[in-house]
Amino acid sequence: MVDDEVSVCTTVGILLKLRGFETVLALSGAEALAVLEKRKDFEFVITDFSMPKMNGAELAVAMKARDLPQPVLLLTAFAEQFRSEPPMPGITRILEKPISMVKLDEAIKMVRE
């Protein structure tokens, strides 16, 4: 889980752990890349869009450039705006903040199939 807001990162991380996922929390795109380059066994990445220095879309592009294969679920308060634009490279699915656990479960199921 990648989010510059500690409370969001921690909350989503806990919810994922309750669903049986091992989670690693990162507070920036750069931190997430460092973790992903060391451990390539993650099933997927959940990231916030709005983060300083490297936003979630930039993280997805950086992952693709490094041949990191994980699907990326992007969290944003502006999901409708992004759906009307061309797809963002490397983004598997866009989810609205605040996150609905039903929508998160659906997205995780989709990326695991």
Protein backbone atom coordinates (compact mmCIF):
# COMPACT_ATOMS: atom_id res chain seq x y z
CA MET A 1 0.00 0.00 0.00
CA VAL A 2 1.44 3.36 -1.05
CA ASP A 3 0.10 6.63 0.32
CA ASP A 4 1.76 9.70 1.77
CA GLU A 5 -0.98 9.90 4.40
CA VAL A 6 0.02 7.53 7.19
CA SER A 7 -3.57 7.02 8.37
CA VAL A 8 -4.81 5.95 4.93
CA CYS A 9 -1.80 3.71 4.36
CA THR A 10 -2.22 2.05 7.76
CA THR A 11 -6.00 1.63 7.48
CA VAL A 12 -5.92 0.01 4.04
CA GLY A 13 -2.95 -2.10 5.15
CA ILE A 14 -4.92 -3.41 8.12
CA LEU A 15 -7.95 -4.18 5.95
CA LEU A 16 -5.74 -6.11 3.53
CA LYS A 17 -4.14 -8.06 6.39
CA LEU A 18 -7.61 -8.99 7.65
CA ARG A 19 -8.22 -10.45 4.19
CA GLY A 20 -5.10 -12.59 4.49
CA PHE A 21 -2.64 -10.49 2.49
CA GLU A 22 0.89 -9.79 3.60
CA THR A 23 1.22 -6.04 3.28
CA VAL A 24 4.11 -3.65 3.11
CA LEU A 25 3.43 0.04 3.56
CA ALA A 26 5.28 2.77 1.71
CA LEU A 27 4.81 6.50 2.23
CA SER A 28 6.12 7.57 -1.19
CA GLY A 29 6.54 6.34 -4.73
CA ALA A 30 10.31 6.21 -4.32
CA GLU A 31 9.99 4.09 -1.18
CA ALA A 32 7.58 1.75 -2.98
CA LEU A 33 9.98 1.32 -5.92
CA ALA A 34 12.83 0.46 -3.56
CA VAL A 35 10.69 -2.22 -1.87
CA LEU A 36 9.42 -3.61 -5.18
CA GLU A 37 12.92 -3.88 -6.62
CA LYS A 38 14.07 -5.89 -3.58
CA ARG A 39 10.99 -8.11 -3.37
CA LYS A 40 9.32 -9.04 -6.61
CA ASP A 41 6.74 -11.41 -5.11
CA PHE A 42 3.92 -8.91 -4.51
CA GLU A 43 0.62 -9.77 -6.23
CA PHE A 44 -0.46 -6.16 -6.76
CA VAL A 45 0.19 -2.57 -5.72
CA ILE A 46 -2.39 -0.18 -4.33
CA THR A 47 -1.32 3.45 -4.55
CA ASP A 48 -2.77 6.87 -3.98
CA PHE A 49 -2.68 9.21 -6.95
CA SER A 50 -1.91 12.49 -5.17
CA MET A 51 1.50 12.23 -3.57
CA PRO A 52 4.40 14.69 -3.62
CA LYS A 53 7.44 14.12 -5.86
CA MET A 54 6.03 10.98 -7.55
CA ASN A 55 2.29 10.50 -7.92
CA GLY A 56 0.61 7.13 -8.32
CA ALA A 57 0.50 7.33 -12.11
CA GLU A 58 4.21 8.16 -12.23
CA LEU A 59 4.87 5.21 -9.91
CA ALA A 60 3.03 2.90 -12.34
CA VAL A 61 5.12 4.19 -15.26
CA ALA A 62 8.35 3.77 -13.24
CA MET A 63 7.32 0.20 -12.36
CA LYS A 64 6.71 -0.60 -16.03
CA ALA A 65 10.10 0.89 -16.99
CA ARG A 66 11.74 -1.44 -14.45
CA ASP A 67 9.80 -4.48 -15.70
CA LEU A 68 7.92 -4.82 -12.42
CA PRO A 69 4.83 -6.83 -13.41
CA GLN A 70 2.42 -6.11 -10.57
CA PRO A 71 -1.01 -4.74 -11.44
CA VAL A 72 -1.56 -1.25 -10.04
CA LEU A 73 -4.79 -0.17 -8.36
CA LEU A 74 -4.94 3.63 -8.19
CA LEU A 75 -6.85 5.37 -5.38
CA THR A 76 -8.09 8.89 -6.01
CA ALA A 77 -10.80 11.27 -4.88
CA PHE A 78 -11.15 12.25 -8.55
CA ALA A 79 -11.94 8.84 -10.04
CA GLU A 80 -14.71 10.13 -12.34
CA GLN A 81 -12.37 12.70 -13.85
CA PHE A 82 -9.80 10.02 -14.67
CA ARG A 83 -12.37 7.68 -16.18
CA SER A 84 -13.25 10.30 -18.80
CA GLU A 85 -9.61 10.67 -19.85
CA PRO A 86 -7.52 8.20 -21.88
CA PRO A 87 -6.28 5.24 -19.78
CA MET A 88 -3.13 5.90 -17.78
CA PRO A 89 -0.18 3.65 -18.63
CA GLY A 90 0.38 0.90 -16.10
CA ILE A 91 -2.86 1.49 -14.19
CA THR A 92 -5.04 -1.62 -13.97
CA ARG A 93 -7.99 -0.05 -12.18
CA ILE A 94 -8.98 3.28 -10.66
CA LEU A 95 -10.78 3.24 -7.31
CA GLU A 96 -12.61 6.10 -5.63
CA LYS A 97 -11.53 7.53 -2.29
CA PRO A 98 -12.80 7.02 0.30
CA ILE A 99 -12.38 3.38 -0.62
CA SER A 100 -15.36 1.07 -0.52
CA MET A 101 -14.30 -2.35 0.71
CA VAL A 102 -16.73 -3.93 -1.75
CA LYS A 103 -15.02 -2.12 -4.65
CA LEU A 104 -11.57 -2.98 -3.28
CA ASP A 105 -12.52 -6.65 -2.97
CA GLU A 106 -13.85 -6.60 -6.57
CA ALA A 107 -10.65 -4.99 -7.86
CA ILE A 108 -8.43 -7.48 -6.01
CA LYS A 109 -10.48 -10.39 -7.34
CA MET A 110 -10.15 -8.99 -10.87
CA VAL A 111 -6.34 -8.64 -10.70
CA ARG A 112 -5.93 -12.11 -9.20
CA GLU A 113 -7.85 -13.84 -12.02
